[in-house]
Amino acid sequence: MTLAIRTESLTKYYGSTKVVDSLGLSIDEGTVYALLGRNGAGKSTTIKMLTGMVRPSYGRAELLGEDVATLAPETRSRIAYLAEGHPLPSWMSVGEVIRFTRAFYEDWDHDLVESVLDHFALSKRAKLRRLSKGQLAQVSLILGIAPDPELLILDDPTLGLDTNVRRDFLESMIQIIQRRGRTILFSSHVLGDVERVADRIGIMLDGVLRVDCPTEHFKEAVRKIVLTFDRDVPEVPECPGLVGSWHVGHRLELIFAGYGSEQEAAVASLDPVEVERVEMNLEDTFIEYTRGPRRSLSFFGTEEPDDPRPGAQGAA
């Protein structure tokens, strides 16, 4: 399988802060790949390095087989990028910005543009400054797909859109691009959308790519186990794959990345009166996998208890 995107030890510092740490990413052609992470995880910086807007401190990246630092104009024309917030010249009309953008491309699918304009019920006469956020996103999508790119890179393209517009935008994008076997890389904070459209996901934590696998595999690998006791919650033993634990009263929640016989034995050794396996969607799974230490809320001036997770005592 040919790679549409490949990075080797891609790293970015801002001052002494390492924002992206030795990123090694490989994305096959024809894949819809979602890059996920909490705020500050390094997603946008990664996308900016891939598109050449930010130079890496070291490492390299390739798009469609060419080094990003020396992309030929012909290769650039095969790549489209949609920026977060969809910045467009507000003084132009829809028709004017389409004509302006078309001048930069030899290949332009006029019939596709007209079809998508009709699908979104967008008028060419409408001024961009008078459009809603959803309509601006739709115009950006039209400008991105009209040159029929082989690779489409989107930085949180549905940010700020309402549920219906967001769903229509993503489903339209997938239908248009994927029917031609194209590759899509996008970041998003809306995990329901990711679950619906992404073949594969990458999860960044503190600048490091911690997960890179098919979407369904990640959902199946992360398990939330809730234990109930008829006594005080016992201390949680060290166990491979345990990424988080938290207790309230006589209930203990355990989050495992990979749950097999060894983890099941560790749970059984705690001798709970009840064991519940909680079903989770992608959003639940992502939150449980990436969340930091959880602390009980303090109400009415009561003291906050120590974090019960192993090694978390005294955490700030």
Protein backbone atom coordinates (compact mmCIF):
# COMPACT_ATOMS: atom_id res chain seq x y z
CA MET A 1 0.00 0.00 0.00
CA THR A 2 1.34 3.45 -0.96
CA LEU A 3 1.62 6.02 1.82
CA ALA A 4 -0.11 9.37 1.43
CA ILE A 5 1.54 10.78 4.60
CA ARG A 6 4.72 9.72 6.34
CA THR A 7 6.72 11.37 9.11
CA GLU A 8 10.02 10.41 10.73
CA SER A 9 10.97 11.73 14.19
CA LEU A 10 8.99 14.89 13.48
CA THR A 11 9.62 17.24 16.41
CA LYS A 12 8.78 20.84 17.23
CA TYR A 13 10.01 23.04 20.06
CA TYR A 14 8.65 26.46 20.96
CA GLY A 15 11.41 27.81 23.14
CA SER A 16 12.22 25.04 25.60
CA THR A 17 8.77 23.46 25.30
CA LYS A 18 8.55 20.35 23.14
CA VAL A 19 5.13 20.55 21.47
CA VAL A 20 5.49 17.55 19.13
CA ASP A 21 7.81 14.75 20.17
CA SER A 22 9.41 12.40 17.59
CA LEU A 23 6.20 11.80 15.65
CA GLY A 24 6.25 8.76 13.41
CA LEU A 25 3.08 8.66 11.35
CA SER A 26 2.16 6.51 8.35
CA ILE A 27 -1.18 6.94 6.59
CA ASP A 28 -2.11 4.75 3.62
CA GLU A 29 -3.72 6.20 0.53
CA GLY A 30 -7.52 6.09 0.65
CA THR A 31 -7.71 6.31 4.44
CA VAL A 32 -9.91 8.64 6.50
CA TYR A 33 -7.61 9.34 9.46
CA ALA A 34 -8.63 11.34 12.53
CA LEU A 35 -5.90 12.96 14.63
CA LEU A 36 -7.18 13.37 18.19
CA GLY A 37 -5.94 14.81 21.45
CA ARG A 38 -6.87 17.21 24.20
CA ASN A 39 -6.13 20.92 23.82
CA GLY A 40 -2.38 21.47 23.65
CA ALA A 41 -1.63 17.87 22.65
CA GLY A 42 0.15 18.96 19.45
CA LYS A 43 -2.49 18.25 16.79
CA SER A 44 -2.60 21.68 15.15
CA THR A 45 1.18 22.04 15.24
CA THR A 46 1.49 18.66 13.53
CA ILE A 47 -0.93 19.71 10.79
CA LYS A 48 0.90 23.02 10.34
CA MET A 49 4.20 21.14 9.91
CA LEU A 50 2.59 18.80 7.38
CA THR A 51 1.29 21.73 5.36
CA GLY A 52 4.60 23.63 5.50
CA MET A 53 3.29 26.54 7.58
CA VAL A 54 5.58 25.64 10.50
CA ARG A 55 9.11 24.30 10.15
CA PRO A 56 9.98 21.34 12.37
CA SER A 57 12.85 21.63 14.83
CA TYR A 58 14.03 18.33 13.39
CA GLY A 59 12.68 15.27 11.65
CA ARG A 60 10.93 15.17 8.30
CA ALA A 61 7.54 14.72 6.70
CA GLU A 62 6.42 13.47 3.31
CA LEU A 63 3.15 14.06 1.48
CA LEU A 64 2.36 11.93 -1.56
CA GLY A 65 5.94 10.66 -1.56
CA GLU A 66 7.68 14.06 -1.52
CA ASP A 67 9.42 15.91 1.28
CA VAL A 68 7.17 18.71 2.58
CA ALA A 69 10.13 21.11 2.59
CA THR A 70 10.62 20.76 -1.17
CA LEU A 71 7.15 19.98 -2.54
CA ALA A 72 6.92 20.61 -6.25
CA PRO A 73 4.10 22.93 -7.41
CA GLU A 74 2.54 20.00 -9.25
CA THR A 75 2.39 18.01 -6.01
CA ARG A 76 0.99 20.95 -4.05
CA SER A 77 -1.87 21.13 -6.53
CA ARG A 78 -2.80 17.56 -5.55
CA ILE A 79 -3.21 18.57 -1.88
CA ALA A 80 -5.96 20.65 -0.28
CA TYR A 81 -5.98 22.21 3.19
CA LEU A 82 -8.92 23.57 5.19
CA ALA A 83 -7.86 25.76 8.11
CA GLU A 84 -9.58 25.95 11.47
CA GLY A 85 -12.28 28.63 11.41
CA HIS A 86 -12.38 28.70 7.58
CA PRO A 87 -10.76 32.13 7.06
CA LEU A 88 -11.97 33.59 3.77
CA PRO A 89 -11.87 37.15 2.34
CA SER A 90 -15.08 38.59 3.74
CA TRP A 91 -15.46 41.27 1.05
CA MET A 92 -15.86 38.68 -1.71
CA SER A 93 -18.98 36.88 -2.78
CA VAL A 94 -19.19 33.10 -3.07
CA GLY A 95 -18.81 33.32 -6.83
CA GLU A 96 -15.85 35.70 -6.59
CA VAL A 97 -13.88 33.54 -4.18
CA ILE A 98 -14.52 30.50 -6.39
CA ARG A 99 -13.21 32.34 -9.48
CA PHE A 100 -10.23 33.68 -7.50
CA THR A 101 -9.25 30.23 -6.23
CA ARG A 102 -9.79 28.57 -9.60
CA ALA A 103 -7.04 30.73 -11.13
CA PHE A 104 -4.42 28.82 -9.11
CA TYR A 105 -5.31 25.37 -10.47
CA GLU A 106 -5.02 23.77 -13.88
CA ASP A 107 -7.58 21.12 -12.99
CA TRP A 108 -10.93 22.34 -11.68
CA ASP A 109 -14.13 20.32 -11.55
CA HIS A 110 -16.74 22.91 -12.51
CA ASP A 111 -19.58 20.37 -12.51
CA LEU A 112 -18.67 19.23 -9.00
CA VAL A 113 -18.66 22.83 -7.75
CA GLU A 114 -22.10 23.47 -9.20
CA SER A 115 -23.41 20.21 -7.75
CA VAL A 116 -22.13 20.97 -4.23
CA LEU A 117 -23.37 24.58 -4.39
CA ASP A 118 -26.79 23.19 -5.21
CA HIS A 119 -26.54 20.55 -2.47
CA PHE A 120 -25.80 23.20 0.17
CA ALA A 121 -28.24 25.71 -1.39
CA LEU A 122 -25.49 28.35 -1.62
CA SER A 123 -25.94 31.36 -3.88
CA LYS A 124 -22.90 32.64 -5.81
CA ARG A 125 -24.12 36.17 -5.17
CA ALA A 126 -24.03 35.83 -1.38
CA LYS A 127 -21.33 37.88 0.35
CA LEU A 128 -19.03 35.83 2.55
CA ARG A 129 -19.37 38.29 5.43
CA ARG A 130 -23.10 37.56 5.56
CA LEU A 131 -22.75 33.77 5.71
CA SER A 132 -23.10 31.67 8.84
CA LYS A 133 -20.21 29.61 10.21
CA GLY A 134 -21.74 26.53 8.66
CA GLN A 135 -22.03 28.16 5.25
CA LEU A 136 -18.42 29.38 5.40
CA ALA A 137 -17.36 25.81 6.15
CA GLN A 138 -19.35 24.65 3.12
CA VAL A 139 -17.66 27.23 0.87
CA SER A 140 -14.25 26.15 2.19
CA LEU A 141 -15.11 22.54 1.38
CA ILE A 142 -16.08 23.49 -2.16
CA LEU A 143 -12.78 25.35 -2.66
CA GLY A 144 -10.87 22.39 -1.26
CA ILE A 145 -12.45 19.64 -3.36
CA ALA A 146 -12.87 21.50 -6.68
CA PRO A 147 -9.27 20.77 -7.81
CA ASP A 148 -9.98 17.07 -7.10
CA PRO A 149 -7.13 16.68 -4.56
CA GLU A 150 -5.62 13.32 -3.79
CA LEU A 151 -5.04 14.39 -0.19
CA LEU A 152 -7.28 16.60 1.93
CA ILE A 153 -6.00 17.93 5.29
CA LEU A 154 -8.46 19.60 7.66
CA ASP A 155 -7.76 21.28 10.99
CA ASP A 156 -10.89 20.88 13.15
CA PRO A 157 -13.19 21.67 10.21
CA THR A 158 -16.48 21.45 12.15
CA LEU A 159 -15.47 23.62 15.12
CA GLY A 160 -18.37 25.87 16.16
CA LEU A 161 -20.93 24.29 13.83
CA ASP A 162 -24.30 23.08 15.06
CA THR A 163 -25.09 19.37 15.04
CA ASN A 164 -27.07 19.18 11.79
CA VAL A 165 -24.66 21.33 9.76
CA ARG A 166 -21.67 19.47 11.18
CA ARG A 167 -23.07 16.08 10.23
CA ASP A 168 -24.05 17.20 6.74
CA PHE A 169 -20.61 18.76 6.21
CA LEU A 170 -18.71 15.62 7.20
CA GLU A 171 -20.94 13.17 5.37
CA SER A 172 -20.77 15.30 2.22
CA MET A 173 -16.99 15.51 2.50
CA ILE A 174 -16.65 11.75 2.85
CA GLN A 175 -19.04 11.00 -0.03
CA ILE A 176 -17.28 13.38 -2.39
CA ILE A 177 -13.69 12.53 -1.54
CA GLN A 178 -13.88 8.85 -0.71
CA ARG A 179 -15.82 7.85 -3.78
CA ARG A 180 -12.65 8.70 -5.70
CA GLY A 181 -10.35 6.83 -3.34
CA ARG A 182 -8.80 9.96 -1.86
CA THR A 183 -7.10 10.37 1.51
CA ILE A 184 -8.39 12.56 4.35
CA LEU A 185 -6.53 13.62 7.47
CA PHE A 186 -8.54 15.68 9.93
CA SER A 187 -8.44 16.75 13.55
CA SER A 188 -11.62 17.11 15.56
CA HIS A 189 -12.95 17.60 19.07
CA VAL A 190 -16.29 16.00 18.18
CA LEU A 191 -15.78 12.30 18.81
CA GLY A 192 -19.22 11.32 17.57
CA ASP A 193 -18.24 12.61 14.13
CA VAL A 194 -14.93 10.78 14.25
CA GLU A 195 -16.64 7.52 15.15
CA ARG A 196 -18.98 7.94 12.20
CA VAL A 197 -16.43 8.63 9.46
CA ALA A 198 -12.84 7.69 10.47
CA ASP A 199 -11.25 4.41 9.40
CA ARG A 200 -8.27 4.96 11.66
CA ILE A 201 -7.36 7.25 14.57
CA GLY A 202 -4.21 8.64 16.13
CA ILE A 203 -4.25 10.00 19.68
CA MET A 204 -1.62 12.48 20.83
CA LEU A 205 -0.81 13.03 24.50
CA ASP A 206 1.67 15.76 25.42
CA GLY A 207 3.05 15.82 21.89
CA VAL A 208 3.52 12.05 21.66
CA LEU A 209 1.50 9.76 19.39
CA ARG A 210 0.24 7.20 21.90
CA VAL A 211 -2.39 5.45 19.77
CA ASP A 212 -2.39 4.66 16.05
CA CYS A 213 -4.91 2.00 15.09
CA PRO A 214 -8.28 1.31 13.43
CA THR A 215 -11.11 3.14 15.19
CA GLU A 216 -12.96 -0.02 16.20
CA HIS A 217 -9.78 -1.60 17.55
CA PHE A 218 -9.26 1.30 19.96
CA LYS A 219 -12.86 1.09 21.19
CA GLU A 220 -12.51 -2.64 21.78
CA ALA A 221 -9.10 -2.38 23.47
CA VAL A 222 -10.02 0.15 26.17
CA ARG A 223 -12.19 -1.29 28.94
CA LYS A 224 -13.93 0.33 31.89
CA ILE A 225 -14.49 -2.06 34.79
CA VAL A 226 -16.58 -0.96 37.79
CA LEU A 227 -16.14 -2.93 41.01
CA THR A 228 -18.47 -2.80 44.02
CA PHE A 229 -17.30 -3.78 47.51
CA ASP A 230 -19.04 -4.49 50.82
CA ARG A 231 -16.11 -2.87 52.62
CA ASP A 232 -13.62 -0.08 52.08
CA VAL A 233 -12.11 -0.05 48.59
CA PRO A 234 -8.77 -1.94 48.70
CA GLU A 235 -5.52 -0.61 47.27
CA VAL A 236 -5.23 -1.22 43.53
CA PRO A 237 -2.28 -3.49 42.63
CA GLU A 238 0.07 -2.65 39.80
CA CYS A 239 -1.16 -4.23 36.61
CA PRO A 240 -0.09 -4.00 32.93
CA GLY A 241 -2.49 -1.88 30.91
CA LEU A 242 -4.04 -0.06 33.87
CA VAL A 243 -4.28 3.58 32.77
CA GLY A 244 -6.59 4.99 35.45
CA SER A 245 -8.52 4.25 38.61
CA TRP A 246 -10.94 6.20 40.77
CA HIS A 247 -13.24 5.35 43.63
CA VAL A 248 -16.37 6.85 45.14
CA GLY A 249 -17.67 5.25 48.31
CA HIS A 250 -17.60 1.48 47.83
CA ARG A 251 -17.30 1.64 44.02
CA LEU A 252 -14.00 1.47 42.15
CA GLU A 253 -13.61 2.34 38.45
CA LEU A 254 -10.67 0.84 36.56
CA ILE A 255 -9.63 1.77 33.02
CA PHE A 256 -7.53 -0.74 31.10
CA ALA A 257 -5.85 -0.47 27.69
CA GLY A 258 -6.07 -4.13 26.86
CA TYR A 259 -8.08 -6.46 29.09
CA GLY A 260 -7.14 -10.12 29.19
CA SER A 261 -6.57 -12.94 31.64
CA GLU A 262 -3.86 -11.10 33.59
CA GLN A 263 -6.07 -8.04 34.11
CA GLU A 264 -9.06 -10.24 34.95
CA ALA A 265 -7.01 -12.04 37.59
CA ALA A 266 -5.93 -8.71 39.10
CA VAL A 267 -9.56 -7.62 39.34
CA ALA A 268 -10.57 -10.94 40.92
CA SER A 269 -7.79 -10.61 43.52
CA LEU A 270 -9.54 -7.54 44.91
CA ASP A 271 -12.51 -9.79 45.82
CA PRO A 272 -15.36 -7.43 44.81
CA VAL A 273 -18.98 -8.40 45.38
CA GLU A 274 -19.87 -7.22 41.87
CA VAL A 275 -17.96 -6.66 38.61
CA GLU A 276 -19.52 -4.59 35.81
CA ARG A 277 -18.07 -4.08 32.34
CA VAL A 278 -19.27 -0.71 31.07
CA GLU A 279 -19.96 -0.30 27.35
CA MET A 280 -18.42 2.89 25.94
CA ASN A 281 -18.66 4.78 22.67
CA LEU A 282 -15.59 6.40 21.12
CA GLU A 283 -16.06 9.64 23.05
CA ASP A 284 -16.27 7.80 26.37
CA THR A 285 -13.25 5.68 25.48
CA PHE A 286 -11.18 8.71 24.45
CA ILE A 287 -12.03 10.62 27.62
CA GLU A 288 -11.22 7.72 29.91
CA TYR A 289 -7.94 7.01 28.11
CA THR A 290 -6.68 10.60 28.00
CA ARG A 291 -8.03 12.20 31.17
CA GLY A 292 -5.62 13.25 33.88
CA PRO A 293 -5.97 12.58 37.60
CA ARG A 294 -9.56 12.92 38.76
CA ARG A 295 -10.27 14.52 42.10
CA SER A 296 -13.53 14.49 44.02
CA LEU A 297 -15.34 17.81 44.09
CA SER A 298 -15.35 19.77 47.34
CA PHE A 299 -18.69 21.21 48.41
CA PHE A 300 -19.54 23.61 51.21
CA GLY A 301 -15.94 23.99 52.35
CA THR A 302 -15.22 20.30 52.95
CA GLU A 303 -11.66 19.17 52.42
CA GLU A 304 -10.77 17.50 49.16
CA PRO A 305 -9.58 13.90 49.63
CA ASP A 306 -6.30 12.65 48.25
CA ASP A 307 -6.37 11.27 44.72
CA PRO A 308 -6.87 7.51 45.21
CA ARG A 309 -5.03 6.41 42.05
CA PRO A 310 -1.73 4.54 42.44
CA GLY A 311 1.18 7.00 42.55
CA ALA A 312 -1.15 10.02 42.55
CA GLN A 313 -0.92 10.96 46.22
CA GLY A 314 0.00 14.59 46.57
CA ALA A 315 -0.73 15.36 42.92
CA ALA A 316 -1.47 18.98 42.20
